[in-house]
């Protein structure tokens, strides 16, 4: 009897160290970007968030992000600009319909967490790292983070002289427990 009880306690401990599985909730999440164009900030967003998230703050080694957004959902508030951004010189949405991120490590510090992983845009993959925070709300988690990338690193926008190279990305991802 004691052996069975010890086995149950051991198994419970092992399973509690496993990351909980979540799925991103697109309609409750925001993927926003800002870039300077002709000296003015231009803002936009992406939707179609899909993927899998595993997260347990007590077991970051088993935690991961594997998510993507749909390039065809790009929205800057101007339809003609959105159509232009989906074209070959920018995101080439016909050939590369998703932007994806797959984590390789997650660590913690006094200010929250840091994720490192592979960001793929327009078929080009680069390693990025950025800080994020997590708020627990029952069966959902809300992840918030931001990072800056160089659009030219991903072959987006060609050699435009009026478009900044620096793109700020702000994420608020709501994830529901599976």
N, C-alpha and C. Protein backbone atom coordinates (compact mmCIF):
# COMPACT_ATOMS: atom_id res chain seq x y z
N UNK A 1 0.82 -1.20 0.00
CA UNK A 1 0.00 0.00 0.00
C UNK A 1 0.87 1.27 0.00
N UNK A 2 1.90 1.28 0.85
CA UNK A 2 2.80 2.43 0.90
C UNK A 2 3.51 2.61 -0.43
N UNK A 3 3.87 1.51 -1.08
CA UNK A 3 4.56 1.58 -2.37
C UNK A 3 3.64 2.19 -3.42
N UNK A 4 2.37 1.81 -3.41
CA UNK A 4 1.41 2.36 -4.37
C UNK A 4 1.22 3.85 -4.13
N UNK A 5 1.11 4.25 -2.88
CA UNK A 5 0.95 5.65 -2.54
C UNK A 5 2.18 6.45 -2.96
N UNK A 6 3.36 5.90 -2.73
CA UNK A 6 4.60 6.56 -3.14
C UNK A 6 4.66 6.71 -4.65
N UNK A 7 4.21 5.71 -5.39
CA UNK A 7 4.19 5.77 -6.85
C UNK A 7 3.25 6.87 -7.34
N UNK A 8 2.07 6.97 -6.73
CA UNK A 8 1.11 8.02 -7.11
C UNK A 8 1.70 9.40 -6.85
N UNK A 9 2.33 9.58 -5.68
CA UNK A 9 2.94 10.87 -5.34
C UNK A 9 4.07 11.19 -6.34
N UNK A 10 4.90 10.21 -6.66
CA UNK A 10 5.99 10.40 -7.61
C UNK A 10 5.46 10.77 -8.98
N UNK A 11 4.45 10.08 -9.47
CA UNK A 11 3.88 10.36 -10.78
C UNK A 11 3.23 11.74 -10.81
N UNK A 12 2.55 12.11 -9.74
CA UNK A 12 1.94 13.43 -9.67
C UNK A 12 3.03 14.50 -9.74
N UNK A 13 4.14 14.29 -9.05
CA UNK A 13 5.26 15.24 -9.10
C UNK A 13 5.84 15.34 -10.49
N UNK A 14 5.99 14.22 -11.17
CA UNK A 14 6.54 14.23 -12.53
C UNK A 14 5.60 14.96 -13.47
N UNK A 15 4.30 14.68 -13.39
CA UNK A 15 3.35 15.33 -14.29
C UNK A 15 3.20 16.81 -13.97
N UNK A 16 3.38 17.20 -12.72
CA UNK A 16 3.26 18.62 -12.39
C UNK A 16 4.43 19.43 -12.95
N UNK A 17 5.56 18.76 -13.24
CA UNK A 17 6.69 19.45 -13.84
C UNK A 17 6.56 19.59 -15.35
N UNK A 18 5.62 18.86 -15.93
CA UNK A 18 5.40 18.98 -17.37
C UNK A 18 4.67 20.29 -17.65
N UNK A 19 4.99 20.88 -18.77
CA UNK A 19 4.34 22.13 -19.15
C UNK A 19 2.89 21.88 -19.52
N UNK A 20 2.03 22.79 -19.14
CA UNK A 20 0.62 22.71 -19.51
C UNK A 20 0.48 23.09 -20.97
N UNK A 21 -0.47 22.46 -21.65
CA UNK A 21 -0.67 22.74 -23.06
C UNK A 21 -1.76 23.80 -23.24
N UNK A 22 -1.47 24.75 -24.13
CA UNK A 22 -2.39 25.85 -24.43
C UNK A 22 -2.46 26.03 -25.94
N UNK A 23 -3.53 26.65 -26.38
CA UNK A 23 -3.62 27.04 -27.78
C UNK A 23 -3.90 28.53 -27.81
N UNK A 24 -3.28 29.24 -28.75
CA UNK A 24 -3.52 30.69 -28.84
C UNK A 24 -4.97 30.97 -29.25
N UNK A 25 -5.53 32.00 -28.68
CA UNK A 25 -6.89 32.42 -29.01
C UNK A 25 -6.77 33.69 -29.86
N UNK A 26 -6.91 33.51 -31.17
CA UNK A 26 -6.66 34.60 -32.12
C UNK A 26 -7.50 35.84 -31.83
N UNK A 27 -8.80 35.65 -31.60
CA UNK A 27 -9.69 36.80 -31.44
C UNK A 27 -9.44 37.58 -30.15
N UNK A 28 -8.68 37.02 -29.20
CA UNK A 28 -8.36 37.73 -27.96
C UNK A 28 -6.90 38.15 -27.90
N UNK A 29 -6.17 37.99 -29.02
CA UNK A 29 -4.75 38.30 -29.07
C UNK A 29 -4.49 39.47 -30.01
N UNK A 30 -3.37 40.16 -29.78
CA UNK A 30 -2.96 41.28 -30.64
C UNK A 30 -1.52 41.09 -31.08
N UNK A 31 -1.31 41.08 -32.38
CA UNK A 31 0.03 41.07 -32.97
C UNK A 31 0.13 42.39 -33.74
N UNK A 32 0.88 43.34 -33.19
CA UNK A 32 0.95 44.68 -33.77
C UNK A 32 2.38 45.03 -34.13
N UNK A 33 2.52 45.86 -35.16
CA UNK A 33 3.84 46.33 -35.56
C UNK A 33 3.80 47.81 -35.86
N UNK A 34 4.97 48.45 -35.73
CA UNK A 34 5.13 49.87 -36.04
C UNK A 34 6.43 50.04 -36.82
N UNK A 35 6.35 50.81 -37.91
CA UNK A 35 7.52 51.12 -38.72
C UNK A 35 7.39 52.57 -39.18
N UNK A 36 8.52 53.26 -39.29
CA UNK A 36 8.50 54.65 -39.79
C UNK A 36 8.49 54.61 -41.30
N UNK A 37 7.56 55.34 -41.90
CA UNK A 37 7.41 55.42 -43.34
C UNK A 37 7.25 56.90 -43.69
N UNK A 38 8.14 57.43 -44.52
CA UNK A 38 8.15 58.86 -44.84
C UNK A 38 8.23 59.71 -43.57
N UNK A 39 8.92 59.21 -42.54
CA UNK A 39 9.10 59.96 -41.31
C UNK A 39 7.96 59.86 -40.32
N UNK A 40 6.91 59.15 -40.66
CA UNK A 40 5.75 58.98 -39.77
C UNK A 40 5.63 57.53 -39.34
N UNK A 41 5.17 57.32 -38.10
CA UNK A 41 4.92 55.96 -37.65
C UNK A 41 3.72 55.38 -38.38
N UNK A 42 3.91 54.22 -38.94
CA UNK A 42 2.81 53.47 -39.57
C UNK A 42 2.60 52.22 -38.73
N UNK A 43 1.35 52.02 -38.32
CA UNK A 43 1.03 50.88 -37.48
C UNK A 43 0.20 49.88 -38.26
N UNK A 44 0.30 48.64 -37.84
CA UNK A 44 -0.48 47.58 -38.46
C UNK A 44 -0.63 46.41 -37.52
N UNK A 45 -1.40 45.43 -37.98
CA UNK A 45 -1.63 44.24 -37.17
C UNK A 45 -1.74 43.02 -38.07
N UNK A 46 -1.59 41.87 -37.44
CA UNK A 46 -1.75 40.59 -38.11
C UNK A 46 -2.68 39.73 -37.26
N UNK A 47 -3.44 38.88 -37.91
CA UNK A 47 -4.35 37.96 -37.23
C UNK A 47 -4.06 36.55 -37.75
N UNK A 48 -4.97 35.64 -37.44
CA UNK A 48 -4.79 34.26 -37.88
C UNK A 48 -3.78 33.52 -37.03
N UNK A 49 -3.69 33.89 -35.76
CA UNK A 49 -2.74 33.28 -34.83
C UNK A 49 -3.13 31.82 -34.58
N UNK A 50 -2.17 30.92 -34.82
CA UNK A 50 -2.38 29.49 -34.62
C UNK A 50 -1.15 28.89 -33.97
N UNK A 51 -1.29 27.67 -33.48
CA UNK A 51 -0.13 26.96 -32.99
C UNK A 51 -0.35 26.28 -31.67
N UNK A 52 0.77 26.00 -31.01
CA UNK A 52 0.76 25.30 -29.73
C UNK A 52 1.72 25.99 -28.77
N UNK A 53 1.27 26.11 -27.54
CA UNK A 53 2.08 26.70 -26.49
C UNK A 53 2.08 25.73 -25.32
N UNK A 54 3.25 25.45 -24.81
CA UNK A 54 3.37 24.66 -23.59
C UNK A 54 4.09 25.55 -22.59
N UNK A 55 3.51 25.69 -21.40
CA UNK A 55 4.13 26.60 -20.45
C UNK A 55 3.89 26.14 -19.02
N UNK A 56 4.99 26.10 -18.26
CA UNK A 56 4.96 25.84 -16.83
C UNK A 56 6.14 26.60 -16.24
N UNK A 57 5.89 27.64 -15.43
CA UNK A 57 6.98 28.44 -14.89
C UNK A 57 7.93 27.62 -14.02
N UNK A 58 7.48 26.48 -13.50
CA UNK A 58 8.34 25.61 -12.69
C UNK A 58 9.17 24.65 -13.53
N UNK A 59 8.88 24.59 -14.83
CA UNK A 59 9.60 23.69 -15.72
C UNK A 59 9.78 24.36 -17.08
N UNK A 60 10.59 25.39 -17.11
CA UNK A 60 10.79 26.14 -18.36
C UNK A 60 11.46 25.29 -19.44
N UNK A 61 12.23 24.28 -19.05
CA UNK A 61 12.88 23.42 -20.03
C UNK A 61 11.86 22.64 -20.87
N UNK A 62 10.69 22.39 -20.31
CA UNK A 62 9.66 21.68 -21.07
C UNK A 62 8.62 22.64 -21.67
N UNK A 63 8.86 23.94 -21.53
CA UNK A 63 7.96 24.95 -22.07
C UNK A 63 8.39 25.33 -23.49
N UNK A 64 7.41 25.70 -24.33
CA UNK A 64 7.75 26.05 -25.71
C UNK A 64 6.63 26.84 -26.38
N UNK A 65 7.01 27.53 -27.44
CA UNK A 65 6.08 28.24 -28.31
C UNK A 65 6.32 27.75 -29.74
N UNK A 66 5.25 27.43 -30.44
CA UNK A 66 5.32 27.08 -31.86
C UNK A 66 4.07 27.71 -32.47
N UNK A 67 4.20 28.95 -32.95
CA UNK A 67 3.03 29.74 -33.36
C UNK A 67 3.27 30.39 -34.72
N UNK A 68 2.17 30.75 -35.36
CA UNK A 68 2.26 31.45 -36.64
C UNK A 68 1.09 32.40 -36.79
N UNK A 69 1.26 33.39 -37.68
CA UNK A 69 0.18 34.30 -38.06
C UNK A 69 0.05 34.28 -39.58
N UNK A 70 -1.11 34.66 -40.05
CA UNK A 70 -1.44 34.66 -41.48
C UNK A 70 -1.08 36.01 -42.09
N UNK A 71 -0.13 36.01 -43.01
CA UNK A 71 0.31 37.25 -43.67
C UNK A 71 -0.85 37.92 -44.41
N UNK A 72 -1.78 37.15 -44.93
CA UNK A 72 -2.89 37.71 -45.69
C UNK A 72 -3.86 38.52 -44.84
N UNK A 73 -3.67 38.51 -43.52
CA UNK A 73 -4.54 39.30 -42.62
C UNK A 73 -3.94 40.66 -42.30
N UNK A 74 -2.80 41.00 -42.89
CA UNK A 74 -2.14 42.26 -42.57
C UNK A 74 -3.13 43.42 -42.72
N UNK A 75 -3.13 44.30 -41.71
CA UNK A 75 -4.09 45.39 -41.70
C UNK A 75 -3.41 46.65 -41.18
N UNK A 76 -3.26 47.63 -42.07
CA UNK A 76 -2.69 48.93 -41.68
C UNK A 76 -3.75 50.03 -41.71
N UNK A 77 -4.98 49.64 -42.03
CA UNK A 77 -6.06 50.61 -42.12
C UNK A 77 -6.23 51.21 -43.50
N UNK A 78 -5.36 50.86 -44.42
CA UNK A 78 -5.45 51.35 -45.81
C UNK A 78 -5.36 50.13 -46.73
N UNK A 79 -6.48 49.80 -47.37
CA UNK A 79 -6.56 48.60 -48.20
C UNK A 79 -5.50 48.54 -49.29
N UNK A 80 -5.24 49.65 -49.96
CA UNK A 80 -4.25 49.66 -51.05
C UNK A 80 -2.85 49.35 -50.50
N UNK A 81 -2.53 49.90 -49.34
CA UNK A 81 -1.22 49.62 -48.73
C UNK A 81 -1.14 48.15 -48.30
N UNK A 82 -2.22 47.62 -47.74
CA UNK A 82 -2.23 46.22 -47.33
C UNK A 82 -2.00 45.30 -48.52
N UNK A 83 -2.64 45.61 -49.64
CA UNK A 83 -2.46 44.82 -50.86
C UNK A 83 -1.01 44.90 -51.32
N UNK A 84 -0.42 46.09 -51.27
CA UNK A 84 0.97 46.30 -51.67
C UNK A 84 1.92 45.49 -50.76
N UNK A 85 1.65 45.48 -49.46
CA UNK A 85 2.49 44.75 -48.50
C UNK A 85 2.43 43.24 -48.72
N UNK A 86 1.34 42.75 -49.28
CA UNK A 86 1.22 41.31 -49.56
C UNK A 86 1.97 40.91 -50.82
N UNK A 87 2.43 41.89 -51.59
CA UNK A 87 3.11 41.65 -52.85
C UNK A 87 4.53 41.15 -52.69
N UNK A 88 5.13 40.81 -53.84
CA UNK A 88 6.46 40.19 -53.89
C UNK A 88 7.55 40.97 -53.16
N UNK A 89 7.59 42.29 -53.34
CA UNK A 89 8.67 43.09 -52.76
C UNK A 89 8.61 43.12 -51.23
N UNK A 90 7.42 42.94 -50.68
CA UNK A 90 7.28 42.99 -49.23
C UNK A 90 7.15 41.57 -48.67
N UNK A 91 5.96 41.12 -48.32
CA UNK A 91 5.82 39.81 -47.67
C UNK A 91 5.63 38.63 -48.63
N UNK A 92 5.32 38.90 -49.89
CA UNK A 92 5.12 37.83 -50.88
C UNK A 92 4.17 36.77 -50.31
N UNK A 93 2.99 37.21 -49.92
CA UNK A 93 2.02 36.35 -49.24
C UNK A 93 1.58 35.15 -50.06
N UNK A 94 1.65 35.24 -51.38
CA UNK A 94 1.29 34.10 -52.21
C UNK A 94 2.24 32.93 -52.01
N UNK A 95 3.52 33.22 -51.88
CA UNK A 95 4.53 32.17 -51.69
C UNK A 95 4.81 31.88 -50.22
N UNK A 96 4.65 32.89 -49.37
CA UNK A 96 4.99 32.76 -47.95
C UNK A 96 3.81 33.26 -47.10
N UNK A 97 2.75 32.46 -47.00
CA UNK A 97 1.52 32.93 -46.36
C UNK A 97 1.54 33.03 -44.83
N UNK A 98 2.60 32.55 -44.18
CA UNK A 98 2.65 32.64 -42.72
C UNK A 98 3.99 33.19 -42.24
N UNK A 99 3.92 33.83 -41.10
CA UNK A 99 5.10 34.21 -40.33
C UNK A 99 5.08 33.30 -39.11
N UNK A 100 6.20 32.65 -38.82
CA UNK A 100 6.19 31.70 -37.71
C UNK A 100 7.31 31.98 -36.71
N UNK A 101 7.07 31.49 -35.49
CA UNK A 101 8.07 31.57 -34.43
C UNK A 101 8.06 30.24 -33.69
N UNK A 102 9.26 29.65 -33.55
CA UNK A 102 9.43 28.40 -32.81
C UNK A 102 10.53 28.64 -31.78
N UNK A 103 10.18 28.49 -30.51
CA UNK A 103 11.16 28.75 -29.45
C UNK A 103 12.20 27.63 -29.37
N UNK A 104 13.38 28.01 -28.90
CA UNK A 104 14.43 27.04 -28.63
C UNK A 104 14.79 27.01 -27.15
N UNK A 105 14.50 28.11 -26.44
CA UNK A 105 14.71 28.13 -24.99
C UNK A 105 13.88 29.22 -24.34
N UNK A 106 13.53 28.98 -23.08
CA UNK A 106 12.81 29.96 -22.27
C UNK A 106 13.52 30.00 -20.92
N UNK A 107 13.85 31.20 -20.46
CA UNK A 107 14.51 31.37 -19.17
C UNK A 107 13.75 32.41 -18.35
N UNK A 108 14.07 32.48 -17.07
CA UNK A 108 13.44 33.48 -16.21
C UNK A 108 14.50 34.35 -15.57
N UNK A 109 14.07 35.55 -15.15
CA UNK A 109 14.92 36.44 -14.38
C UNK A 109 14.02 37.24 -13.46
N UNK A 110 14.56 38.22 -12.79
CA UNK A 110 13.77 39.02 -11.84
C UNK A 110 12.65 39.81 -12.50
N UNK A 111 12.79 40.09 -13.79
CA UNK A 111 11.80 40.92 -14.48
C UNK A 111 10.75 40.10 -15.24
N UNK A 112 10.86 38.78 -15.26
CA UNK A 112 9.91 37.96 -16.00
C UNK A 112 10.63 36.83 -16.71
N UNK A 113 10.40 36.73 -18.01
CA UNK A 113 10.94 35.62 -18.78
C UNK A 113 11.62 36.15 -20.05
N UNK A 114 12.42 35.29 -20.64
CA UNK A 114 13.05 35.61 -21.92
C UNK A 114 12.93 34.37 -22.80
N UNK A 115 12.50 34.58 -24.03
CA UNK A 115 12.39 33.49 -24.99
C UNK A 115 13.37 33.72 -26.13
N UNK A 116 13.98 32.64 -26.58
CA UNK A 116 14.85 32.66 -27.75
C UNK A 116 14.28 31.64 -28.72
N UNK A 117 14.28 32.00 -29.99
CA UNK A 117 13.75 31.07 -30.98
C UNK A 117 13.97 31.55 -32.39
N UNK A 118 13.39 30.81 -33.32
CA UNK A 118 13.56 31.09 -34.74
C UNK A 118 12.32 31.79 -35.29
N UNK A 119 12.51 33.00 -35.78
CA UNK A 119 11.46 33.76 -36.44
C UNK A 119 11.65 33.58 -37.94
N UNK A 120 10.59 33.16 -38.64
CA UNK A 120 10.67 32.96 -40.08
C UNK A 120 9.68 33.88 -40.77
N UNK A 121 10.21 34.75 -41.63
CA UNK A 121 9.42 35.68 -42.43
C UNK A 121 9.90 35.57 -43.86
N UNK A 122 8.97 35.39 -44.76
CA UNK A 122 9.28 35.35 -46.19
C UNK A 122 10.35 34.30 -46.52
N UNK A 123 10.28 33.18 -45.80
CA UNK A 123 11.21 32.08 -46.05
C UNK A 123 12.59 32.26 -45.45
N UNK A 124 12.82 33.35 -44.73
CA UNK A 124 14.11 33.61 -44.09
C UNK A 124 13.96 33.40 -42.59
N UNK A 125 14.84 32.61 -42.01
CA UNK A 125 14.79 32.30 -40.58
C UNK A 125 15.96 32.95 -39.85
N UNK A 126 15.64 33.62 -38.75
CA UNK A 126 16.65 34.28 -37.92
C UNK A 126 16.35 33.97 -36.46
N UNK A 127 17.41 33.85 -35.66
CA UNK A 127 17.27 33.67 -34.22
C UNK A 127 17.03 35.03 -33.58
N UNK A 128 15.99 35.12 -32.76
CA UNK A 128 15.72 36.34 -32.00
C UNK A 128 15.49 35.96 -30.54
N UNK A 129 15.65 36.93 -29.65
CA UNK A 129 15.36 36.78 -28.22
C UNK A 129 14.63 38.01 -27.76
N UNK A 130 13.69 37.81 -26.85
CA UNK A 130 13.00 38.97 -26.30
C UNK A 130 12.36 38.62 -24.96
N UNK A 131 12.19 39.64 -24.11
CA UNK A 131 11.55 39.42 -22.81
C UNK A 131 10.03 39.34 -22.96
N UNK A 132 9.41 38.63 -22.02
CA UNK A 132 7.95 38.59 -22.00
C UNK A 132 7.47 38.38 -20.57
N UNK A 133 6.21 38.69 -20.37
CA UNK A 133 5.57 38.47 -19.07
C UNK A 133 4.38 37.55 -19.27
N UNK A 134 3.91 36.97 -18.17
CA UNK A 134 2.76 36.07 -18.22
C UNK A 134 1.82 36.44 -17.09
N UNK A 135 0.54 36.56 -17.43
CA UNK A 135 -0.50 36.75 -16.42
C UNK A 135 -1.46 35.58 -16.52
N UNK A 136 -1.75 34.99 -15.36
CA UNK A 136 -2.64 33.84 -15.30
C UNK A 136 -4.06 34.32 -15.01
N UNK A 137 -4.99 33.85 -15.80
CA UNK A 137 -6.39 34.23 -15.62
C UNK A 137 -7.26 32.98 -15.74
N UNK A 138 -7.23 32.15 -14.70
CA UNK A 138 -8.02 30.93 -14.72
C UNK A 138 -7.44 29.90 -15.68
N UNK A 139 -8.22 29.53 -16.70
CA UNK A 139 -7.75 28.56 -17.69
C UNK A 139 -7.07 29.22 -18.87
N UNK A 140 -6.74 30.49 -18.75
CA UNK A 140 -6.02 31.18 -19.83
C UNK A 140 -4.77 31.85 -19.27
N UNK A 141 -3.80 31.98 -20.14
CA UNK A 141 -2.61 32.75 -19.85
C UNK A 141 -2.54 33.89 -20.86
N UNK A 142 -2.03 35.03 -20.42
CA UNK A 142 -1.83 36.15 -21.33
C UNK A 142 -0.34 36.46 -21.33
N UNK A 143 0.28 36.24 -22.49
CA UNK A 143 1.70 36.50 -22.69
C UNK A 143 1.84 37.87 -23.35
N UNK A 144 2.76 38.68 -22.85
CA UNK A 144 3.00 40.00 -23.45
C UNK A 144 4.50 40.20 -23.63
N UNK A 145 4.88 40.65 -24.80
CA UNK A 145 6.29 40.89 -25.08
C UNK A 145 6.46 41.79 -26.28
N UNK A 146 7.68 42.22 -26.51
CA UNK A 146 7.96 43.06 -27.66
C UNK A 146 9.40 42.87 -28.09
N UNK A 147 9.63 43.13 -29.36
CA UNK A 147 10.98 43.04 -29.91
C UNK A 147 11.06 43.91 -31.15
N UNK A 148 12.28 44.16 -31.59
CA UNK A 148 12.53 44.94 -32.80
C UNK A 148 13.36 44.10 -33.75
N UNK A 149 12.99 44.14 -35.03
CA UNK A 149 13.75 43.43 -36.06
C UNK A 149 14.12 44.40 -37.17
N UNK A 150 15.08 44.00 -37.98
CA UNK A 150 15.46 44.75 -39.16
C UNK A 150 14.73 44.09 -40.34
N UNK A 151 13.86 44.82 -41.00
CA UNK A 151 13.07 44.26 -42.10
C UNK A 151 13.95 43.71 -43.22
N UNK A 152 15.11 44.35 -43.43
CA UNK A 152 16.02 43.92 -44.50
C UNK A 152 16.60 42.54 -44.23
N UNK A 153 16.74 42.17 -42.94
CA UNK A 153 17.24 40.83 -42.60
C UNK A 153 16.34 39.74 -43.16
N UNK A 154 15.07 40.08 -43.40
CA UNK A 154 14.09 39.11 -43.89
C UNK A 154 13.69 39.36 -45.34
N UNK A 155 14.37 40.30 -45.99
CA UNK A 155 14.08 40.58 -47.40
C UNK A 155 12.74 41.26 -47.63
N UNK A 156 12.28 42.04 -46.65
CA UNK A 156 10.99 42.71 -46.75
C UNK A 156 11.19 44.17 -47.11
N UNK A 157 10.56 44.64 -48.18
CA UNK A 157 10.57 46.05 -48.53
C UNK A 157 11.70 46.50 -49.42
N UNK A 158 12.50 45.59 -49.88
CA UNK A 158 13.57 45.97 -50.81
C UNK A 158 14.48 47.03 -50.25
N UNK A 159 14.88 47.97 -51.11
CA UNK A 159 15.83 49.01 -50.70
C UNK A 159 15.14 50.37 -50.55
N UNK A 160 13.92 50.37 -50.11
CA UNK A 160 13.16 51.61 -49.93
C UNK A 160 13.92 52.60 -49.07
N UNK A 161 14.08 53.81 -49.58
CA UNK A 161 14.79 54.86 -48.84
C UNK A 161 13.86 55.60 -47.87
N UNK A 162 12.56 55.48 -48.04
CA UNK A 162 11.61 56.20 -47.19
C UNK A 162 11.07 55.34 -46.05
N UNK A 163 11.41 54.06 -46.07
CA UNK A 163 10.93 53.11 -45.08
C UNK A 163 12.06 52.78 -44.11
N UNK A 164 11.80 52.92 -42.83
CA UNK A 164 12.80 52.58 -41.83
C UNK A 164 13.15 51.09 -41.92
N UNK A 165 14.34 50.75 -41.53
CA UNK A 165 14.73 49.34 -41.48
C UNK A 165 14.21 48.67 -40.21
N UNK A 166 13.97 49.46 -39.18
CA UNK A 166 13.60 48.96 -37.87
C UNK A 166 12.08 48.80 -37.72
N UNK A 167 11.65 47.61 -37.33
CA UNK A 167 10.23 47.33 -37.13
C UNK A 167 10.03 46.89 -35.69
N UNK A 168 9.18 47.60 -34.96
CA UNK A 168 8.85 47.23 -33.58
C UNK A 168 7.61 46.33 -33.60
N UNK A 169 7.69 45.22 -32.90
CA UNK A 169 6.59 44.26 -32.84
C UNK A 169 6.15 44.14 -31.38
N UNK A 170 4.85 44.28 -31.14
CA UNK A 170 4.27 44.15 -29.80
C UNK A 170 3.26 43.02 -29.81
N UNK A 171 3.41 42.11 -28.85
CA UNK A 171 2.57 40.93 -28.78
C UNK A 171 1.78 40.88 -27.49
N UNK A 172 0.51 40.58 -27.60
CA UNK A 172 -0.31 40.22 -26.46
C UNK A 172 -1.07 38.97 -26.90
N UNK A 173 -0.64 37.83 -26.38
CA UNK A 173 -1.20 36.56 -26.83
C UNK A 173 -1.96 35.91 -25.69
N UNK A 174 -3.25 35.72 -25.91
CA UNK A 174 -4.08 35.00 -24.96
C UNK A 174 -4.09 33.54 -25.39
N UNK A 175 -3.84 32.66 -24.42
CA UNK A 175 -3.78 31.22 -24.71
C UNK A 175 -4.70 30.48 -23.77
N UNK A 176 -5.54 29.60 -24.33
CA UNK A 176 -6.50 28.82 -23.55
C UNK A 176 -5.93 27.43 -23.27
N UNK A 177 -6.14 26.96 -22.06
CA UNK A 177 -5.69 25.63 -21.67
C UNK A 177 -6.43 24.58 -22.47
N UNK A 178 -5.69 23.60 -22.96
CA UNK A 178 -6.31 22.52 -23.74
C UNK A 178 -6.76 21.42 -22.79
